[in-house]
N, C-alpha and C. Protein backbone atom coordinates (compact mmCIF):
# COMPACT_ATOMS: atom_id res chain seq x y z
N MET A 1 114.34 103.19 118.40
CA MET A 1 113.88 104.71 117.97
C MET A 1 113.46 105.19 119.49
N GLN A 2 114.11 106.16 119.93
CA GLN A 2 113.96 106.80 121.14
C GLN A 2 112.79 107.87 120.97
N ARG A 3 111.95 107.84 122.09
CA ARG A 3 111.00 108.99 122.24
C ARG A 3 111.09 109.86 123.38
N PRO A 4 111.62 110.71 123.44
CA PRO A 4 111.99 111.56 124.55
C PRO A 4 110.65 112.34 125.14
N TYR A 5 109.89 112.34 124.30
CA TYR A 5 108.66 113.06 124.90
C TYR A 5 107.83 112.23 125.65
N LEU A 6 108.12 110.91 125.62
CA LEU A 6 107.53 109.94 126.65
C LEU A 6 107.97 110.31 128.21
N LYS A 7 109.12 110.73 128.41
CA LYS A 7 109.41 111.04 129.73
C LYS A 7 108.89 112.22 130.12
N HIS A 8 108.45 113.30 129.33
CA HIS A 8 107.94 114.47 129.55
C HIS A 8 106.34 114.14 130.00
N LEU A 9 105.88 113.16 129.20
CA LEU A 9 104.48 112.99 129.37
C LEU A 9 104.23 112.21 130.56
N ALA A 10 105.11 111.37 130.90
CA ALA A 10 105.10 110.55 132.04
C ALA A 10 105.19 111.42 133.43
N ALA A 11 106.11 112.35 133.29
CA ALA A 11 106.43 113.44 134.32
C ALA A 11 105.07 114.48 134.48
N ALA A 12 104.49 114.86 133.38
CA ALA A 12 103.19 115.45 133.47
C ALA A 12 102.06 114.71 134.19
N LEU A 13 102.03 113.52 133.87
CA LEU A 13 100.87 112.82 134.41
C LEU A 13 101.27 112.49 135.77
N ALA A 14 102.44 112.16 136.19
CA ALA A 14 102.87 112.08 137.62
C ALA A 14 102.32 113.33 138.51
N LEU A 15 102.59 114.51 138.07
CA LEU A 15 102.31 115.72 138.49
C LEU A 15 100.66 115.98 138.65
N CYS A 16 100.09 115.69 137.59
CA CYS A 16 98.75 115.93 137.67
C CYS A 16 97.69 114.76 138.38
N LEU A 17 98.13 113.83 138.57
CA LEU A 17 97.28 112.69 139.25
C LEU A 17 96.76 113.16 140.34
N PRO A 18 97.67 113.71 141.34
CA PRO A 18 96.95 113.94 142.59
C PRO A 18 96.12 115.15 142.59
N LEU A 19 96.28 116.11 141.49
CA LEU A 19 95.28 117.00 141.34
C LEU A 19 93.98 116.78 140.92
N MET A 20 94.02 115.54 140.19
CA MET A 20 92.75 114.94 139.66
C MET A 20 91.56 114.56 140.84
N ALA A 21 92.11 114.42 141.87
CA ALA A 21 91.33 113.87 143.22
C ALA A 21 90.95 115.25 143.78
N PHE A 22 91.48 116.22 143.68
CA PHE A 22 91.24 117.57 144.13
C PHE A 22 89.96 118.07 143.69
N GLY A 23 88.84 118.32 144.28
CA GLY A 23 87.67 118.88 143.62
C GLY A 23 86.70 117.63 143.31
N ALA A 24 87.05 116.56 143.42
CA ALA A 24 86.23 115.32 142.93
C ALA A 24 85.02 115.12 143.97
N GLU A 25 84.12 114.46 143.69
CA GLU A 25 83.13 114.30 144.50
C GLU A 25 83.48 113.45 145.40
N ARG A 26 82.97 113.29 146.64
CA ARG A 26 83.31 111.99 147.53
C ARG A 26 81.87 111.88 148.36
N GLN A 27 81.73 110.70 148.72
CA GLN A 27 80.40 110.37 149.36
C GLN A 27 80.58 110.54 150.92
N VAL A 28 79.36 110.84 151.56
CA VAL A 28 79.48 111.19 152.99
C VAL A 28 78.27 110.26 153.54
N VAL A 29 78.62 109.50 154.75
CA VAL A 29 77.65 108.71 155.33
C VAL A 29 77.26 109.25 156.75
N ASP A 30 75.97 109.39 156.98
CA ASP A 30 75.56 109.95 158.26
C ASP A 30 74.92 108.72 158.88
N ILE A 31 75.31 108.22 160.14
CA ILE A 31 74.40 107.12 160.60
C ILE A 31 74.05 107.55 162.07
N ALA A 32 72.69 107.18 162.48
CA ALA A 32 72.38 107.43 163.79
C ALA A 32 72.92 106.44 164.67
N VAL A 33 73.18 106.70 165.89
CA VAL A 33 73.85 105.76 166.83
C VAL A 33 73.24 105.99 168.36
N LYS A 34 72.66 104.79 168.78
CA LYS A 34 72.02 104.82 170.13
C LYS A 34 72.88 104.30 171.10
N GLY A 35 73.20 104.80 172.30
CA GLY A 35 73.82 104.35 173.30
C GLY A 35 75.07 105.02 173.68
N MET A 36 75.49 106.06 172.84
CA MET A 36 76.65 106.89 173.23
C MET A 36 76.09 107.92 174.54
N THR A 37 76.93 107.78 175.53
CA THR A 37 76.74 108.66 176.70
C THR A 37 77.71 109.48 177.13
N CYS A 38 78.91 109.34 176.66
CA CYS A 38 80.08 110.14 177.18
C CYS A 38 81.06 110.45 176.00
N PRO A 39 82.09 111.39 176.26
CA PRO A 39 82.95 111.80 175.17
C PRO A 39 83.88 110.44 174.77
N PHE A 40 84.05 109.66 175.57
CA PHE A 40 84.87 108.41 175.38
C PHE A 40 84.12 107.62 174.56
N CYS A 41 82.87 107.36 174.39
CA CYS A 41 82.09 106.94 173.37
C CYS A 41 82.29 107.38 172.03
N THR A 42 82.39 108.60 171.84
CA THR A 42 82.50 109.44 170.59
C THR A 42 83.83 108.99 169.93
N TYR A 43 84.92 109.19 170.85
CA TYR A 43 86.28 108.89 170.62
C TYR A 43 86.39 107.48 170.04
N GLY A 44 85.86 106.41 170.76
CA GLY A 44 86.10 105.06 170.37
C GLY A 44 85.42 104.77 169.07
N LEU A 45 84.21 105.44 168.90
CA LEU A 45 83.60 105.01 167.48
C LEU A 45 84.40 105.83 166.39
N GLU A 46 84.94 106.96 166.87
CA GLU A 46 85.89 107.65 165.69
C GLU A 46 86.95 106.70 165.11
N LYS A 47 87.57 106.22 166.32
CA LYS A 47 88.76 105.40 166.12
C LYS A 47 88.34 104.36 165.37
N ASN A 48 87.17 103.56 165.70
CA ASN A 48 86.85 102.20 165.16
C ASN A 48 86.46 102.47 163.82
N LEU A 49 85.78 103.47 163.49
CA LEU A 49 85.24 103.54 162.21
C LEU A 49 86.50 104.10 161.11
N GLY A 50 87.45 104.71 161.75
CA GLY A 50 88.48 105.33 160.97
C GLY A 50 89.55 104.26 160.42
N LYS A 51 89.37 103.04 161.00
CA LYS A 51 90.20 102.12 160.50
C LYS A 51 90.01 101.46 159.11
N ALA A 52 88.85 101.81 158.60
CA ALA A 52 88.36 101.45 157.27
C ALA A 52 89.14 102.02 156.38
N SER A 53 89.76 101.47 155.59
CA SER A 53 90.66 102.03 154.38
C SER A 53 90.19 102.98 153.57
N GLU A 54 88.83 102.97 153.25
CA GLU A 54 88.10 104.01 152.36
C GLU A 54 87.64 105.26 153.21
N VAL A 55 87.65 105.16 154.49
CA VAL A 55 87.32 106.32 155.32
C VAL A 55 88.38 107.55 155.37
N ASP A 56 88.09 108.62 154.92
CA ASP A 56 88.96 109.63 155.18
C ASP A 56 88.98 110.46 156.45
N SER A 57 87.61 110.68 156.93
CA SER A 57 87.49 111.39 158.37
C SER A 57 86.31 110.77 158.96
N VAL A 58 86.00 110.95 160.15
CA VAL A 58 84.94 110.35 161.11
C VAL A 58 84.69 111.47 162.30
N SER A 59 83.64 111.79 162.28
CA SER A 59 83.23 112.71 163.42
C SER A 59 81.82 112.13 164.25
N ALA A 60 81.91 111.84 165.45
CA ALA A 60 80.98 111.28 166.04
C ALA A 60 80.37 112.58 167.08
N SER A 61 79.01 112.49 166.95
CA SER A 61 78.41 113.66 167.84
C SER A 61 77.50 113.03 168.90
N LEU A 62 78.02 113.52 170.28
CA LEU A 62 77.39 112.96 171.36
C LEU A 62 75.78 113.68 171.40
N LYS A 63 76.05 115.01 171.00
CA LYS A 63 74.60 115.80 171.15
C LYS A 63 73.46 115.23 170.17
N SER A 64 73.97 115.08 168.73
CA SER A 64 73.01 114.73 167.93
C SER A 64 72.92 112.96 167.53
N GLN A 65 73.66 112.32 168.44
CA GLN A 65 73.70 111.00 168.55
C GLN A 65 73.76 110.23 167.20
N ASN A 66 74.88 110.74 166.53
CA ASN A 66 75.14 110.24 165.03
C ASN A 66 76.48 110.23 164.70
N VAL A 67 77.02 109.50 163.67
CA VAL A 67 78.51 109.65 163.17
C VAL A 67 78.48 110.27 161.81
N HIS A 68 79.24 110.91 161.46
CA HIS A 68 79.35 111.52 160.24
C HIS A 68 80.72 111.04 159.40
N ILE A 69 80.58 110.23 158.50
CA ILE A 69 81.81 109.56 157.85
C ILE A 69 81.98 110.21 156.58
N VAL A 70 83.19 110.64 156.46
CA VAL A 70 83.78 111.25 154.97
C VAL A 70 84.53 110.12 154.24
N LEU A 71 84.17 109.73 153.19
CA LEU A 71 85.15 108.86 152.31
C LEU A 71 86.07 109.48 151.64
N LYS A 72 87.11 108.75 151.06
CA LYS A 72 88.35 109.23 150.23
C LYS A 72 87.48 109.37 148.79
N PRO A 73 88.07 110.28 148.02
CA PRO A 73 87.47 110.53 146.61
C PRO A 73 87.33 109.22 145.94
N GLY A 74 86.29 108.84 145.28
CA GLY A 74 86.02 107.81 144.50
C GLY A 74 85.73 106.51 145.13
N ALA A 75 85.94 106.62 146.71
CA ALA A 75 85.28 105.49 147.57
C ALA A 75 84.10 105.12 147.52
N GLN A 76 83.54 103.86 147.54
CA GLN A 76 82.19 103.67 147.83
C GLN A 76 81.86 103.37 149.28
N PRO A 77 80.60 103.71 149.81
CA PRO A 77 80.32 103.32 151.32
C PRO A 77 79.95 101.79 151.27
N ASP A 78 80.29 101.42 152.49
CA ASP A 78 79.87 100.06 153.06
C ASP A 78 79.11 99.98 154.03
N LEU A 79 77.65 100.33 153.99
CA LEU A 79 76.85 100.55 155.18
C LEU A 79 76.94 99.39 156.12
N LYS A 80 76.70 98.27 155.64
CA LYS A 80 76.65 96.98 156.38
C LYS A 80 77.82 96.97 157.39
N ARG A 81 79.29 97.29 156.81
CA ARG A 81 80.39 97.16 157.34
C ARG A 81 80.39 98.02 158.57
N TYR A 82 80.10 99.47 158.25
CA TYR A 82 79.95 100.56 159.33
C TYR A 82 79.07 100.23 160.26
N LYS A 83 77.90 99.62 160.12
CA LYS A 83 77.03 99.47 160.96
C LYS A 83 77.49 98.11 161.90
N GLN A 84 78.20 97.40 161.31
CA GLN A 84 78.83 96.13 162.00
C GLN A 84 80.02 96.56 163.05
N LEU A 85 80.56 97.75 162.57
CA LEU A 85 81.81 98.29 163.49
C LEU A 85 81.06 99.01 164.57
N ILE A 86 80.05 99.75 164.39
CA ILE A 86 79.31 100.40 165.41
C ILE A 86 78.72 99.37 166.47
N TYR A 87 78.10 98.47 166.03
CA TYR A 87 77.75 97.21 166.91
C TYR A 87 78.74 96.58 167.50
N ASP A 88 79.84 96.40 167.05
CA ASP A 88 81.04 95.85 167.62
C ASP A 88 81.40 96.60 168.79
N ALA A 89 81.48 98.01 168.66
CA ALA A 89 81.79 98.89 169.84
C ALA A 89 80.89 99.05 170.88
N GLY A 90 79.84 98.25 170.79
CA GLY A 90 78.84 98.45 171.88
C GLY A 90 77.55 99.33 171.68
N PHE A 91 77.41 99.76 170.64
CA PHE A 91 76.41 100.60 170.28
C PHE A 91 75.42 100.07 169.34
N THR A 92 74.32 100.73 169.22
CA THR A 92 73.27 100.37 168.30
C THR A 92 73.19 101.20 166.98
N PRO A 93 73.61 100.81 165.80
CA PRO A 93 73.15 101.60 164.60
C PRO A 93 71.94 101.60 164.35
N GLY A 94 71.51 103.05 163.80
CA GLY A 94 70.23 103.21 163.28
C GLY A 94 70.22 103.34 161.90
N ASP A 95 69.34 104.39 161.38
CA ASP A 95 69.16 104.69 159.88
C ASP A 95 70.43 105.50 159.46
N ALA A 96 70.86 105.01 158.12
CA ALA A 96 71.94 105.67 157.63
C ALA A 96 71.48 106.23 156.32
N LYS A 97 72.24 107.38 155.96
CA LYS A 97 71.96 108.45 154.98
C LYS A 97 73.10 108.56 154.29
N VAL A 98 73.24 108.31 152.87
CA VAL A 98 74.44 108.48 152.06
C VAL A 98 74.30 109.96 151.13
N SER A 99 75.31 110.62 151.31
CA SER A 99 75.06 111.70 150.16
C SER A 99 76.58 112.21 149.68
N LYS A 100 76.49 113.14 148.88
CA LYS A 100 77.80 113.48 148.14
C LYS A 100 78.04 114.95 148.49
N GLU A 101 79.50 115.13 148.42
CA GLU A 101 80.04 116.34 148.85
C GLU A 101 81.17 116.65 148.08
N GLU A 102 81.47 117.89 147.73
CA GLU A 102 82.55 118.24 146.87
C GLU A 102 83.88 118.23 147.89
N ALA A 103 84.85 117.55 147.34
CA ALA A 103 86.04 117.26 148.12
C ALA A 103 86.68 118.75 148.29
N LYS A 104 87.44 118.92 149.34
CA LYS A 104 87.94 120.06 149.48
C LYS A 104 89.57 120.06 149.23
């Protein structure tokens, strides 16, 4: 017995799954960083932290001496790992704050 509606259901799910992530909450991590002195420092930190698979974007601020990490929707932060990546890049990680924001 064939069920032609299953093909339509599968196609509808395939089209809707990407939309489910749109508007989802995602976590944001802000970590204080000591030792950044130039734009190359911020670039290196952004590149290093961006290697983590759950990270969607990273911005490092020389002025405020912190990094802002936006995770992919549904991803959980790994503060210990992020601090280790900062330390491995030659900087001293400080306090970390995790918050949520609406995905765009």
